[in-house]
Protein backbone atom coordinates (compact mmCIF):
# COMPACT_ATOMS: atom_id res chain seq x y z
CA MET A 1 10.22 -19.25 -0.52
CA PHE A 2 10.10 -15.45 0.75
CA ARG A 3 9.75 -14.09 -3.10
CA LEU A 4 6.54 -16.32 -3.23
CA LEU A 5 4.87 -14.77 -0.13
CA PHE A 6 5.85 -11.07 -1.15
CA ARG A 7 4.30 -11.61 -4.60
CA ILE A 8 1.19 -13.18 -2.94
CA ILE A 9 1.01 -10.03 -0.63
CA GLY A 10 1.60 -8.01 -3.47
CA PHE A 11 -1.23 -9.45 -5.67
CA PHE A 12 -3.55 -9.03 -2.47
CA LEU A 13 -2.51 -5.49 -2.52
CA LEU A 14 -3.56 -4.81 -5.89
CA ALA A 15 -6.45 -6.73 -5.51
CA ALA A 16 -7.19 -4.70 -2.23
CA ALA A 17 -6.14 -1.39 -4.63
CA PHE A 18 -9.14 -2.22 -7.39
CA ALA A 19 -11.73 -3.12 -5.29
CA ASP A 20 -11.26 0.08 -3.68
CA LEU A 21 -11.08 1.78 -6.62
CA VAL A 22 -15.03 0.22 -7.34
CA VAL A 23 -16.28 1.38 -4.11
CA ASP A 24 -14.74 4.89 -4.49
CA GLY A 25 -16.15 4.86 -8.01
CA THR A 26 -19.65 3.19 -6.86
CA ARG A 27 -19.76 5.86 -4.13
CA SER A 28 -18.79 9.02 -6.61
CA ILE A 29 -21.76 7.77 -9.15
CA ALA A 30 -24.03 7.89 -6.44
CA ALA A 31 -23.06 10.88 -4.90
CA GLY A 32 -22.66 12.99 -8.18
CA ALA A 33 -19.23 14.06 -7.26
CA LEU A 34 -16.12 12.53 -6.70
CA THR A 35 -15.70 10.40 -3.60
CA LEU A 36 -12.37 9.44 -2.45
CA THR A 37 -11.79 7.48 1.07
CA PRO A 38 -8.51 8.09 2.48
CA LEU A 39 -5.76 5.93 4.04
CA ASP A 40 -6.69 7.04 7.54
CA LYS A 41 -10.45 6.62 7.20
CA THR A 42 -9.86 2.88 5.98
CA ILE A 43 -7.38 2.06 8.85
CA ALA A 44 -9.60 3.28 11.39
CA TRP A 45 -12.52 1.48 10.01
CA LEU A 46 -9.99 -1.82 9.94
CA SER A 47 -8.10 -1.23 13.44
CA PRO A 48 -9.80 1.80 15.25
CA ASP A 49 -6.94 1.51 17.62
CA ARG A 50 -4.51 1.67 15.33
CA ILE A 51 -4.48 5.05 14.52
CA ALA A 52 -4.56 6.44 17.85
CA GLY A 53 -1.09 4.83 18.58
CA LEU A 54 0.05 6.05 15.49
CA LYS A 55 0.98 9.47 16.32
CA PRO A 56 2.86 8.76 19.27
CA ALA A 57 4.88 6.29 18.40
CA ILE A 58 5.57 8.54 14.53
CA GLU A 59 6.42 11.42 17.24
CA HIS A 60 8.43 9.83 19.25
CA LEU A 61 11.40 9.01 16.11
CA ASN A 62 10.78 12.38 14.51
CA PRO A 63 7.61 15.17 15.07
CA PHE A 64 8.82 16.21 11.30
CA LEU A 65 7.75 12.47 10.17
CA TRP A 66 4.15 12.95 11.54
CA ASP A 67 2.97 16.43 10.38
CA PRO A 68 3.86 16.87 7.31
CA VAL A 69 5.40 12.95 5.85
CA THR A 70 2.59 10.87 7.52
CA VAL A 71 -0.67 13.38 7.13
CA ASP A 72 -0.05 13.86 3.71
CA LEU A 73 0.58 10.43 3.47
CA LEU A 74 -2.74 9.44 5.59
CA LEU A 75 -5.31 11.62 3.61
CA LEU A 76 -4.47 9.96 0.22
CA PRO A 77 -6.85 7.45 -1.43
CA THR A 78 -6.50 3.92 -0.25
CA TRP A 79 -6.05 2.52 -3.44
CA LEU A 80 -3.69 4.59 -4.45
CA ILE A 81 -1.32 3.45 -1.95
CA ALA A 82 -2.16 -0.02 -2.15
CA GLY A 83 -1.88 0.13 -5.48
CA VAL A 84 1.53 1.73 -5.67
CA LEU A 85 2.80 -0.44 -3.27
CA GLY A 86 1.70 -3.82 -4.63
CA ILE A 87 3.22 -2.47 -8.00
CA LEU A 88 6.28 -1.68 -6.07
CA ILE A 89 7.07 -5.16 -4.51
CA MET A 90 5.65 -6.70 -7.80
CA LEU A 91 8.40 -5.07 -9.66
CA LEU A 92 11.10 -5.72 -6.66
CA THR A 93 10.48 -9.49 -6.65
CA GLN A 94 10.14 -10.87 -10.35
CA LYS A 95 12.81 -13.05 -11.84
CA ARG A 96 15.56 -10.92 -13.11
CA ARG A 97 15.75 -11.17 -17.19
CA PRO A 98 18.77 -12.85 -18.96
CA LYS A 99 20.63 -10.42 -20.41
CA ILE A 100 21.07 -10.32 -24.15
CA GLY A 101 24.45 -11.12 -25.72
CA PHE A 102 25.88 -12.56 -22.96
CA SER A 103 26.45 -16.15 -22.41
CA SER A 104 24.68 -17.88 -19.56
CA ARG A 105 27.52 -20.76 -18.93
């Protein structure tokens, strides 16, 4: 049951990554230069209050996690983060293949 739920989430993340890749490609063609949408702009577009509350929450855990780690992740393209998460979830939730040469009994 949980595997199905996580696989659906993985499919949605892969679909979102593909849609954002198409949007970035269209913007790049229209602008005549490479234009990528960073993750922080996508989060700010989806939920403006969330990005403001993210910094104090992460700095409360460890200040090192905010500046080099989270800031760099937020500057990566949205399609890259969503695609990697989607692929990772899909790989982790696939059924295990039977081992060749071993009896299944």
